[in-house]
Amino acid sequence: MTTSRDLMTKQKIVDVIQRMPEDGTIDDAIDRLTLLKAVAEGLKEAEEGELYDHDDVFNELLNDDAQIPNQVQQGGKNGPARAKKAHRKNSSQRRSRVRGKAKAGNQ
């Protein structure tokens, strides 16, 4: 298994550079080395037992949201997802009423 120490050696850094395409730029090299560093740091944290369970993190995020009820929720261009869902529900109800009236008018 590869360890964090294996990824931080001069040989590994040179290997990453050598694997780059011939037309690779300095920015490409920096991006690849930054990724290598991030992976090595993550492995080091895992080796030291600094792990977080996915469910614990998710629950903590949910609890943070529940503790701040008045916080404005940010959404996309058209507002938060909850508002979109409610809007969709109302628009489908309106459509069914329009269809009902149209059917009644055709009879």
N, C-alpha and C. Protein backbone atom coordinates (compact mmCIF):
# COMPACT_ATOMS: atom_id res chain seq x y z
N MET A 1 0.85 -1.18 0.00
CA MET A 1 0.00 0.00 0.00
C MET A 1 0.89 1.24 0.00
N THR A 2 0.48 2.24 -0.74
CA THR A 2 1.23 3.49 -0.80
C THR A 2 0.97 4.29 0.47
N THR A 3 2.03 4.80 1.04
CA THR A 3 1.90 5.62 2.25
C THR A 3 2.10 7.08 1.89
N SER A 4 1.77 7.94 2.83
CA SER A 4 1.93 9.38 2.61
C SER A 4 3.39 9.73 2.39
N ARG A 5 4.27 9.02 3.07
CA ARG A 5 5.71 9.29 2.93
C ARG A 5 6.20 8.93 1.53
N ASP A 6 5.64 7.87 0.94
CA ASP A 6 6.01 7.47 -0.42
C ASP A 6 5.66 8.57 -1.44
N LEU A 7 4.55 9.26 -1.20
CA LEU A 7 4.10 10.28 -2.14
C LEU A 7 4.87 11.59 -2.02
N MET A 8 5.58 11.78 -0.92
CA MET A 8 6.26 13.05 -0.69
C MET A 8 7.76 12.98 -1.01
N THR A 9 8.19 11.93 -1.67
CA THR A 9 9.61 11.81 -1.99
C THR A 9 9.94 12.56 -3.28
N LYS A 10 11.21 12.90 -3.42
CA LYS A 10 11.67 13.59 -4.62
C LYS A 10 11.42 12.73 -5.86
N GLN A 11 11.62 11.43 -5.73
CA GLN A 11 11.43 10.53 -6.87
C GLN A 11 9.97 10.55 -7.34
N LYS A 12 9.02 10.58 -6.42
CA LYS A 12 7.61 10.60 -6.80
C LYS A 12 7.27 11.92 -7.49
N ILE A 13 7.83 13.01 -7.01
CA ILE A 13 7.60 14.32 -7.62
C ILE A 13 8.13 14.33 -9.05
N VAL A 14 9.34 13.82 -9.23
CA VAL A 14 9.94 13.75 -10.57
C VAL A 14 9.10 12.84 -11.46
N ASP A 15 8.61 11.74 -10.92
CA ASP A 15 7.78 10.81 -11.69
C ASP A 15 6.51 11.50 -12.20
N VAL A 16 5.88 12.31 -11.35
CA VAL A 16 4.67 13.03 -11.75
C VAL A 16 4.99 13.97 -12.90
N ILE A 17 6.11 14.68 -12.82
CA ILE A 17 6.51 15.61 -13.88
C ILE A 17 6.81 14.86 -15.17
N GLN A 18 7.50 13.73 -15.07
CA GLN A 18 7.86 12.98 -16.27
C GLN A 18 6.65 12.39 -16.97
N ARG A 19 5.60 12.11 -16.25
CA ARG A 19 4.39 11.54 -16.85
C ARG A 19 3.54 12.57 -17.58
N MET A 20 3.88 13.82 -17.43
CA MET A 20 3.10 14.88 -18.09
C MET A 20 3.31 14.83 -19.60
N PRO A 21 2.31 15.30 -20.35
CA PRO A 21 2.49 15.38 -21.80
C PRO A 21 3.58 16.40 -22.15
N GLU A 22 4.15 16.26 -23.32
CA GLU A 22 5.24 17.15 -23.75
C GLU A 22 4.81 18.61 -23.82
N ASP A 23 3.55 18.85 -24.11
CA ASP A 23 3.09 20.23 -24.20
C ASP A 23 2.52 20.75 -22.88
N GLY A 24 2.80 20.04 -21.79
CA GLY A 24 2.33 20.46 -20.47
C GLY A 24 2.94 21.79 -20.05
N THR A 25 2.17 22.57 -19.31
CA THR A 25 2.63 23.88 -18.88
C THR A 25 3.05 23.83 -17.41
N ILE A 26 3.63 24.93 -16.96
CA ILE A 26 4.00 25.02 -15.54
C ILE A 26 2.74 24.93 -14.68
N ASP A 27 1.66 25.55 -15.14
CA ASP A 27 0.41 25.49 -14.39
C ASP A 27 -0.10 24.05 -14.27
N ASP A 28 0.05 23.26 -15.35
CA ASP A 28 -0.33 21.85 -15.30
C ASP A 28 0.50 21.11 -14.24
N ALA A 29 1.79 21.39 -14.22
CA ALA A 29 2.68 20.74 -13.25
C ALA A 29 2.29 21.12 -11.83
N ILE A 30 2.02 22.40 -11.62
CA ILE A 30 1.63 22.86 -10.29
C ILE A 30 0.32 22.20 -9.86
N ASP A 31 -0.64 22.10 -10.79
CA ASP A 31 -1.91 21.44 -10.47
C ASP A 31 -1.69 19.99 -10.07
N ARG A 32 -0.87 19.28 -10.82
CA ARG A 32 -0.62 17.87 -10.52
C ARG A 32 0.11 17.70 -9.19
N LEU A 33 1.07 18.57 -8.93
CA LEU A 33 1.81 18.48 -7.67
C LEU A 33 0.93 18.88 -6.48
N THR A 34 0.03 19.84 -6.69
CA THR A 34 -0.91 20.22 -5.64
C THR A 34 -1.83 19.06 -5.31
N LEU A 35 -2.28 18.36 -6.33
CA LEU A 35 -3.12 17.19 -6.10
C LEU A 35 -2.35 16.10 -5.36
N LEU A 36 -1.11 15.88 -5.78
CA LEU A 36 -0.27 14.88 -5.11
C LEU A 36 -0.10 15.23 -3.64
N LYS A 37 0.13 16.51 -3.36
CA LYS A 37 0.29 16.95 -1.97
C LYS A 37 -0.99 16.73 -1.17
N ALA A 38 -2.14 17.07 -1.76
CA ALA A 38 -3.42 16.89 -1.06
C ALA A 38 -3.69 15.42 -0.75
N VAL A 39 -3.39 14.55 -1.71
CA VAL A 39 -3.57 13.11 -1.49
C VAL A 39 -2.63 12.63 -0.39
N ALA A 40 -1.38 13.07 -0.42
CA ALA A 40 -0.40 12.67 0.59
C ALA A 40 -0.84 13.14 1.98
N GLU A 41 -1.35 14.38 2.07
CA GLU A 41 -1.82 14.88 3.36
C GLU A 41 -3.03 14.10 3.86
N GLY A 42 -3.93 13.76 2.95
CA GLY A 42 -5.09 12.95 3.33
C GLY A 42 -4.69 11.57 3.82
N LEU A 43 -3.72 10.94 3.14
CA LEU A 43 -3.23 9.64 3.59
C LEU A 43 -2.57 9.74 4.95
N LYS A 44 -1.81 10.82 5.16
CA LYS A 44 -1.13 11.02 6.45
C LYS A 44 -2.16 11.14 7.57
N GLU A 45 -3.21 11.92 7.34
CA GLU A 45 -4.26 12.06 8.34
C GLU A 45 -4.93 10.72 8.63
N ALA A 46 -5.17 9.95 7.58
CA ALA A 46 -5.79 8.63 7.76
C ALA A 46 -4.86 7.70 8.55
N GLU A 47 -3.57 7.74 8.25
CA GLU A 47 -2.60 6.91 8.96
C GLU A 47 -2.53 7.29 10.45
N GLU A 48 -2.76 8.56 10.74
CA GLU A 48 -2.71 9.03 12.13
C GLU A 48 -4.06 8.89 12.83
N GLY A 49 -5.04 8.35 12.12
CA GLY A 49 -6.35 8.12 12.73
C GLY A 49 -7.24 9.33 12.75
N GLU A 50 -6.90 10.37 12.03
CA GLU A 50 -7.72 11.57 11.97
C GLU A 50 -8.80 11.41 10.91
N LEU A 51 -9.74 10.52 11.20
CA LEU A 51 -10.80 10.21 10.25
C LEU A 51 -12.13 10.70 10.78
N TYR A 52 -13.04 11.00 9.87
CA TYR A 52 -14.38 11.40 10.23
C TYR A 52 -15.36 10.49 9.52
N ASP A 53 -16.30 9.97 10.26
CA ASP A 53 -17.33 9.13 9.68
C ASP A 53 -18.27 10.01 8.85
N HIS A 54 -18.62 9.55 7.68
CA HIS A 54 -19.49 10.32 6.78
C HIS A 54 -20.80 10.69 7.45
N ASP A 55 -21.43 9.74 8.13
CA ASP A 55 -22.71 9.99 8.77
C ASP A 55 -22.59 11.03 9.88
N ASP A 56 -21.48 10.99 10.64
CA ASP A 56 -21.28 11.98 11.70
C ASP A 56 -21.15 13.39 11.13
N VAL A 57 -20.41 13.53 10.06
CA VAL A 57 -20.25 14.85 9.43
C VAL A 57 -21.59 15.33 8.89
N PHE A 58 -22.32 14.45 8.25
CA PHE A 58 -23.62 14.82 7.69
C PHE A 58 -24.58 15.26 8.79
N ASN A 59 -24.63 14.50 9.88
CA ASN A 59 -25.50 14.85 11.01
C ASN A 59 -25.09 16.18 11.63
N GLU A 60 -23.80 16.42 11.71
CA GLU A 60 -23.32 17.69 12.26
C GLU A 60 -23.76 18.86 11.38
N LEU A 61 -23.70 18.68 10.08
CA LEU A 61 -24.16 19.72 9.17
C LEU A 61 -25.66 19.97 9.32
N LEU A 62 -26.42 18.91 9.47
CA LEU A 62 -27.86 19.06 9.66
C LEU A 62 -28.16 19.78 10.97
N ASN A 63 -27.42 19.46 12.02
CA ASN A 63 -27.62 20.11 13.31
C ASN A 63 -27.26 21.59 13.23
N ASP A 64 -26.21 21.93 12.50
CA ASP A 64 -25.83 23.34 12.32
C ASP A 64 -26.95 24.10 11.64
N ASP A 65 -27.58 23.51 10.64
CA ASP A 65 -28.68 24.17 9.94
C ASP A 65 -29.88 24.35 10.87
N ALA A 66 -30.14 23.38 11.72
CA ALA A 66 -31.28 23.44 12.62
C ALA A 66 -31.08 24.50 13.69
N GLN A 67 -29.84 24.77 14.08
CA GLN A 67 -29.56 25.75 15.13
C GLN A 67 -29.65 27.18 14.62
N ILE A 68 -29.65 27.39 13.32
CA ILE A 68 -29.69 28.73 12.74
C ILE A 68 -30.93 28.83 11.84
N PRO A 69 -32.13 28.88 12.42
CA PRO A 69 -33.34 28.86 11.59
C PRO A 69 -33.59 30.14 10.81
N ASN A 70 -33.09 31.28 11.27
CA ASN A 70 -33.37 32.56 10.60
C ASN A 70 -32.35 32.89 9.52
N GLN A 71 -31.41 32.03 9.31
CA GLN A 71 -30.38 32.29 8.30
C GLN A 71 -30.99 32.24 6.91
N VAL A 72 -30.64 33.18 6.07
CA VAL A 72 -31.14 33.21 4.71
C VAL A 72 -30.50 32.07 3.94
N GLN A 73 -31.31 31.27 3.28
CA GLN A 73 -30.79 30.16 2.51
C GLN A 73 -30.43 30.64 1.13
N GLN A 74 -29.25 30.28 0.68
CA GLN A 74 -28.80 30.66 -0.64
C GLN A 74 -29.20 29.58 -1.63
N GLY A 75 -29.62 29.98 -2.77
CA GLY A 75 -29.99 29.03 -3.80
C GLY A 75 -29.41 29.46 -5.13
N GLY A 76 -29.88 28.87 -6.17
CA GLY A 76 -29.44 29.23 -7.51
C GLY A 76 -30.07 30.54 -7.95
N LYS A 77 -30.19 30.73 -9.24
CA LYS A 77 -30.76 31.98 -9.77
C LYS A 77 -32.20 32.20 -9.31
N ASN A 78 -32.93 31.13 -9.14
CA ASN A 78 -34.36 31.26 -8.85
C ASN A 78 -34.70 30.99 -7.39
N GLY A 79 -33.73 31.08 -6.49
CA GLY A 79 -34.00 30.90 -5.08
C GLY A 79 -33.67 29.50 -4.61
N PRO A 80 -33.94 29.23 -3.33
CA PRO A 80 -33.58 27.94 -2.76
C PRO A 80 -34.41 26.79 -3.34
N ALA A 81 -33.87 25.59 -3.22
CA ALA A 81 -34.53 24.41 -3.78
C ALA A 81 -35.89 24.18 -3.15
N ARG A 82 -36.02 24.47 -1.86
CA ARG A 82 -37.31 24.25 -1.20
C ARG A 82 -38.40 25.11 -1.84
N ALA A 83 -38.06 26.33 -2.17
CA ALA A 83 -39.04 27.21 -2.80
C ALA A 83 -39.42 26.69 -4.19
N LYS A 84 -38.46 26.17 -4.90
CA LYS A 84 -38.73 25.63 -6.23
C LYS A 84 -39.70 24.46 -6.14
N LYS A 85 -39.47 23.60 -5.14
CA LYS A 85 -40.32 22.43 -5.00
C LYS A 85 -41.76 22.85 -4.71
N ALA A 86 -41.93 23.80 -3.81
CA ALA A 86 -43.26 24.27 -3.49
C ALA A 86 -43.89 24.92 -4.71
N HIS A 87 -43.11 25.67 -5.47
CA HIS A 87 -43.62 26.33 -6.66
C HIS A 87 -44.08 25.30 -7.69
N ARG A 88 -43.30 24.24 -7.86
CA ARG A 88 -43.68 23.18 -8.81
C ARG A 88 -45.01 22.56 -8.40
N LYS A 89 -45.18 22.33 -7.12
CA LYS A 89 -46.41 21.72 -6.64
C LYS A 89 -47.60 22.62 -6.97
N ASN A 90 -47.48 23.92 -6.71
CA ASN A 90 -48.56 24.85 -6.99
C ASN A 90 -48.84 24.95 -8.48
N SER A 91 -47.79 24.96 -9.30
CA SER A 91 -48.01 25.09 -10.74
C SER A 91 -48.70 23.87 -11.30
N SER A 92 -48.42 22.68 -10.77
CA SER A 92 -49.11 21.49 -11.27
C SER A 92 -50.57 21.51 -10.86
N GLN A 93 -50.86 22.06 -9.69
CA GLN A 93 -52.26 22.17 -9.28
C GLN A 93 -53.00 23.15 -10.19
N ARG A 94 -52.33 24.26 -10.54
CA ARG A 94 -52.95 25.23 -11.44
C ARG A 94 -53.21 24.62 -12.80
N ARG A 95 -52.25 23.85 -13.31
CA ARG A 95 -52.42 23.22 -14.62
C ARG A 95 -53.60 22.27 -14.62
N SER A 96 -53.76 21.50 -13.54
CA SER A 96 -54.87 20.54 -13.51
C SER A 96 -56.20 21.27 -13.49
N ARG A 97 -56.27 22.44 -12.83
CA ARG A 97 -57.51 23.21 -12.84
C ARG A 97 -57.79 23.75 -14.24
N VAL A 98 -56.76 24.19 -14.93
CA VAL A 98 -56.94 24.71 -16.28
C VAL A 98 -57.41 23.59 -17.20
N ARG A 99 -56.79 22.43 -17.08
CA ARG A 99 -57.20 21.29 -17.91
C ARG A 99 -58.65 20.90 -17.63
N GLY A 100 -59.00 20.92 -16.36
CA GLY A 100 -60.38 20.59 -15.98
C GLY A 100 -61.37 21.55 -16.60
N LYS A 101 -61.05 22.85 -16.59
CA LYS A 101 -61.95 23.85 -17.18
C LYS A 101 -61.99 23.68 -18.70
N ALA A 102 -60.85 23.37 -19.30
CA ALA A 102 -60.83 23.19 -20.75
C ALA A 102 -61.67 21.99 -21.15
N LYS A 103 -61.57 20.92 -20.39
CA LYS A 103 -62.38 19.73 -20.70
C LYS A 103 -63.87 20.03 -20.55
N ALA A 104 -64.21 20.78 -19.51
CA ALA A 104 -65.63 21.11 -19.29
C ALA A 104 -66.14 21.99 -20.41
N GLY A 105 -65.31 22.88 -20.94
CA GLY A 105 -65.73 23.77 -22.02
C GLY A 105 -65.88 23.04 -23.34
N ASN A 106 -65.18 21.91 -23.54
CA ASN A 106 -65.24 21.15 -24.79
C ASN A 106 -66.47 20.27 -24.87
N GLN A 107 -67.17 20.04 -23.78
CA GLN A 107 -68.29 19.11 -23.78
C GLN A 107 -69.55 19.72 -24.26
